[in-house]
């Protein structure tokens, strides 16, 4: 609601050495540009936000990351999460959102516009725990056999066996061999052409 309060942002933008988080609920890209233009010496963190309590899945629009990243390449992007669980935040994390904000309450029955849609203690623990798993799950942009797969490889992959008795000097090929589990009982199919 404060994104369009240019009076407030004029004052905040004059501060030094502080982190600024700007939620973008109830706005469009034009509103966001106007507000961000006031920040000459600070780099605010833009939080994609939909001001519904809670938001339905169709309104979350996590893909707005693309337009925010193209428009503000120099700024960190985050997600102000008003969804019903942690799935939206996990999806947001996988496409590049770095900072997460979520409403928290000790009692969902308290008065106020968002207590019923906020996370309680157990929900918040789960939310944080699962968000912290995302970088581990995403891993790195490479494809290698994982250490935990090595033992399984010996049991699940197949060994090379001959269809008939092999004569000395005979070259093994796909025509005179076949594959059968487990690889630990012979030469692994991975070694067929070695």
Protein backbone atom coordinates (compact mmCIF):
# COMPACT_ATOMS: atom_id res chain seq x y z
CA UNK A 1 0.00 0.00 0.00
CA UNK A 2 2.98 2.31 0.57
CA UNK A 3 4.58 1.81 -2.85
CA UNK A 4 2.79 4.87 -4.26
CA UNK A 5 3.48 7.07 -1.22
CA UNK A 6 6.16 9.14 -2.94
CA UNK A 7 6.36 11.45 0.11
CA UNK A 8 7.46 8.51 2.24
CA UNK A 9 9.90 7.21 -0.39
CA UNK A 10 11.47 10.64 -0.84
CA UNK A 11 12.41 10.61 2.85
CA UNK A 12 13.51 6.96 2.94
CA UNK A 13 15.58 7.32 -0.23
CA UNK A 14 17.64 10.07 1.44
CA UNK A 15 18.83 7.71 4.20
CA UNK A 16 22.22 6.05 4.09
CA UNK A 17 23.55 2.55 4.77
CA UNK A 18 20.21 0.82 5.29
CA UNK A 19 18.42 -2.01 3.55
CA UNK A 20 15.13 -1.01 1.96
CA UNK A 21 12.46 -3.55 1.07
CA UNK A 22 9.72 -2.37 -1.26
CA UNK A 23 6.67 -4.61 -1.63
CA UNK A 24 4.82 -4.19 -4.91
CA UNK A 25 1.29 -5.23 -3.95
CA UNK A 26 -1.58 -3.32 -5.61
CA UNK A 27 0.74 -1.87 -8.27
CA UNK A 28 1.91 -2.23 -11.83
CA UNK A 29 5.34 -1.88 -13.43
CA UNK A 30 4.81 1.85 -14.04
CA UNK A 31 4.12 2.50 -10.34
CA UNK A 32 7.20 0.50 -9.38
CA UNK A 33 9.45 2.40 -11.84
CA UNK A 34 8.25 5.74 -10.49
CA UNK A 35 9.04 4.78 -6.91
CA UNK A 36 12.39 3.15 -7.68
CA UNK A 37 13.46 6.26 -9.63
CA UNK A 38 13.62 8.13 -6.30
CA UNK A 39 16.36 5.85 -5.02
CA UNK A 40 19.58 7.34 -6.38
CA UNK A 41 22.01 6.23 -3.65
CA UNK A 42 20.35 3.09 -2.32
CA UNK A 43 19.48 -0.18 -4.00
CA UNK A 44 16.13 -1.24 -2.61
CA UNK A 45 15.11 -4.87 -2.68
CA UNK A 46 11.93 -5.24 -4.71
CA UNK A 47 9.47 -7.75 -3.30
CA UNK A 48 6.95 -9.12 -5.78
CA UNK A 49 3.68 -9.07 -3.88
CA UNK A 50 -0.02 -9.67 -4.44
CA UNK A 51 -2.11 -8.12 -1.67
CA UNK A 52 -4.65 -10.85 -1.11
CA UNK A 53 -5.01 -12.57 2.26
CA UNK A 54 -4.57 -15.30 1.23
CA UNK A 55 -3.89 -15.08 -2.50
CA UNK A 56 -5.33 -17.70 -4.77
CA UNK A 57 -2.84 -19.56 -6.97
CA UNK A 58 -4.03 -17.84 -10.16
CA UNK A 59 -3.16 -14.42 -8.73
CA UNK A 60 0.37 -15.20 -7.50
CA UNK A 61 2.03 -14.61 -10.90
CA UNK A 62 5.51 -15.73 -9.84
CA UNK A 63 6.64 -15.28 -13.46
CA UNK A 64 6.50 -11.51 -13.00
CA UNK A 65 10.14 -12.12 -12.02
CA UNK A 66 10.98 -11.91 -15.73
CA UNK A 67 9.67 -8.37 -16.20
CA UNK A 68 11.06 -7.23 -12.84
CA UNK A 69 14.51 -8.66 -13.67
CA UNK A 70 14.50 -7.05 -17.14
CA UNK A 71 13.35 -3.70 -15.74
CA UNK A 72 15.60 -3.65 -12.66
CA UNK A 73 18.67 -5.77 -13.50
CA UNK A 74 20.79 -4.06 -10.82
CA UNK A 75 18.40 -4.76 -7.93
CA UNK A 76 17.83 -7.83 -5.79
CA UNK A 77 14.37 -9.34 -6.15
CA UNK A 78 12.31 -11.00 -3.46
CA UNK A 79 8.87 -12.40 -2.85
CA UNK A 80 6.33 -11.16 -0.32
CA UNK A 81 4.31 -14.32 0.14
CA UNK A 82 0.61 -14.25 0.94
CA UNK A 83 -0.14 -17.73 -0.38
CA UNK A 84 -1.60 -20.55 1.68
CA UNK A 85 1.57 -22.64 2.01
CA UNK A 86 5.26 -22.74 1.00
CA UNK A 87 4.84 -24.06 -2.56
CA UNK A 88 4.73 -20.60 -4.18
CA UNK A 89 7.89 -19.54 -2.32
CA UNK A 90 9.70 -22.70 -3.39
CA UNK A 91 8.74 -22.06 -7.01
CA UNK A 92 9.81 -18.41 -6.65
CA UNK A 93 13.15 -19.48 -5.23
CA UNK A 94 13.81 -21.81 -8.17
CA UNK A 95 13.42 -19.00 -10.71
CA UNK A 96 15.62 -16.50 -8.92
CA UNK A 97 13.84 -14.66 -6.12
CA UNK A 98 16.37 -14.27 -3.30
CA UNK A 99 14.56 -12.66 -0.36
CA UNK A 100 11.35 -13.93 1.22
CA UNK A 101 8.83 -12.19 3.47
CA UNK A 102 5.83 -13.90 5.01
CA UNK A 103 3.28 -12.80 7.58
CA UNK A 104 3.61 -14.51 10.95
CA UNK A 105 1.15 -14.76 13.83
CA UNK A 106 0.97 -16.41 17.21
CA UNK A 107 -2.81 -16.73 16.91
CA UNK A 108 -4.72 -17.05 13.63
CA UNK A 109 -7.89 -15.97 15.48
CA UNK A 110 -6.53 -12.53 16.47
CA UNK A 111 -8.26 -9.46 15.07
CA UNK A 112 -6.74 -7.90 11.98
CA UNK A 113 -6.85 -8.25 8.22
CA UNK A 114 -4.25 -10.99 7.84
CA UNK A 115 -3.90 -13.13 10.99
CA UNK A 116 -6.04 -15.93 9.57
CA UNK A 117 -3.86 -16.05 6.45
CA UNK A 118 -0.52 -15.80 8.27
CA UNK A 119 1.77 -18.66 9.27
CA UNK A 120 1.73 -19.91 12.84
CA UNK A 121 4.90 -21.16 14.55
CA UNK A 122 4.84 -24.68 13.09
CA UNK A 123 3.93 -23.46 9.59
CA UNK A 124 6.73 -20.90 9.66
CA UNK A 125 9.26 -23.53 10.75
CA UNK A 126 8.22 -25.71 7.84
CA UNK A 127 8.29 -22.73 5.46
CA UNK A 128 11.85 -21.75 6.41
CA UNK A 129 13.08 -25.35 6.48
CA UNK A 130 11.73 -26.09 3.00
CA UNK A 131 13.00 -22.83 1.50
CA UNK A 132 16.47 -23.65 2.81
CA UNK A 133 16.31 -27.00 1.02
CA UNK A 134 15.78 -25.40 -2.41
CA UNK A 135 19.44 -24.51 -3.19
CA UNK A 136 20.54 -28.02 -2.21
CA UNK A 137 17.83 -29.57 -4.37
CA UNK A 138 18.66 -27.31 -7.33
CA UNK A 139 22.32 -28.33 -7.14
CA UNK A 140 24.72 -27.26 -9.87
CA UNK A 141 24.49 -26.97 -13.65
CA UNK A 142 26.32 -30.21 -14.30
CA UNK A 143 25.39 -33.88 -14.68
CA UNK A 144 27.58 -36.41 -12.90
CA UNK A 145 26.99 -39.67 -11.10
CA UNK A 146 26.17 -38.86 -7.50
CA UNK A 147 28.11 -40.62 -4.75
CA UNK A 148 24.96 -42.26 -3.42
CA UNK A 149 24.29 -43.78 -6.86
CA UNK A 150 27.54 -45.78 -7.04
CA UNK A 151 26.39 -48.70 -4.88
CA UNK A 152 23.01 -48.76 -6.61
CA UNK A 153 24.77 -48.76 -9.97
CA UNK A 154 26.45 -52.08 -9.19
CA UNK A 155 23.09 -53.64 -8.27
CA UNK A 156 20.85 -52.02 -10.89
CA UNK A 157 23.02 -51.83 -13.97
CA UNK A 158 23.61 -54.91 -16.04
CA UNK A 159 26.66 -57.07 -16.67
CA UNK A 160 27.86 -58.10 -20.12
CA UNK A 161 27.39 -61.82 -20.77
CA UNK A 162 28.16 -63.81 -23.88
CA UNK A 163 25.44 -65.62 -25.82
CA UNK A 164 27.76 -68.56 -26.53
CA UNK A 165 31.21 -69.70 -25.48
CA UNK A 166 33.72 -67.09 -26.65
CA UNK A 167 36.78 -68.21 -28.53
CA UNK A 168 40.21 -66.82 -27.73
CA UNK A 169 40.76 -63.61 -29.74
CA UNK A 170 37.05 -63.21 -30.50
CA UNK A 171 35.95 -59.57 -30.24
CA UNK A 172 32.93 -58.93 -28.04
CA UNK A 173 30.14 -57.01 -29.75
CA UNK A 174 26.41 -56.35 -29.45
CA UNK A 175 25.85 -59.40 -31.69
CA UNK A 176 27.55 -61.99 -29.45
CA UNK A 177 26.71 -60.56 -26.00
CA UNK A 178 23.67 -59.54 -23.97
CA UNK A 179 23.07 -57.71 -20.70
CA UNK A 180 21.72 -59.14 -17.46
CA UNK A 181 21.48 -57.83 -13.91
CA UNK A 182 23.37 -57.32 -11.67
CA UNK A 183 26.55 -55.68 -12.93
CA UNK A 184 28.43 -56.88 -9.85
CA UNK A 185 28.37 -60.40 -11.35
CA UNK A 186 30.53 -59.42 -14.29
CA UNK A 187 31.69 -56.56 -16.46
CA UNK A 188 29.33 -53.57 -16.38
CA UNK A 189 27.64 -52.53 -19.62
CA UNK A 190 29.33 -49.16 -19.04
CA UNK A 191 32.57 -50.90 -20.07
CA UNK A 192 31.27 -52.44 -23.31
CA UNK A 193 33.45 -50.31 -25.59
CA UNK A 194 36.54 -50.04 -23.36
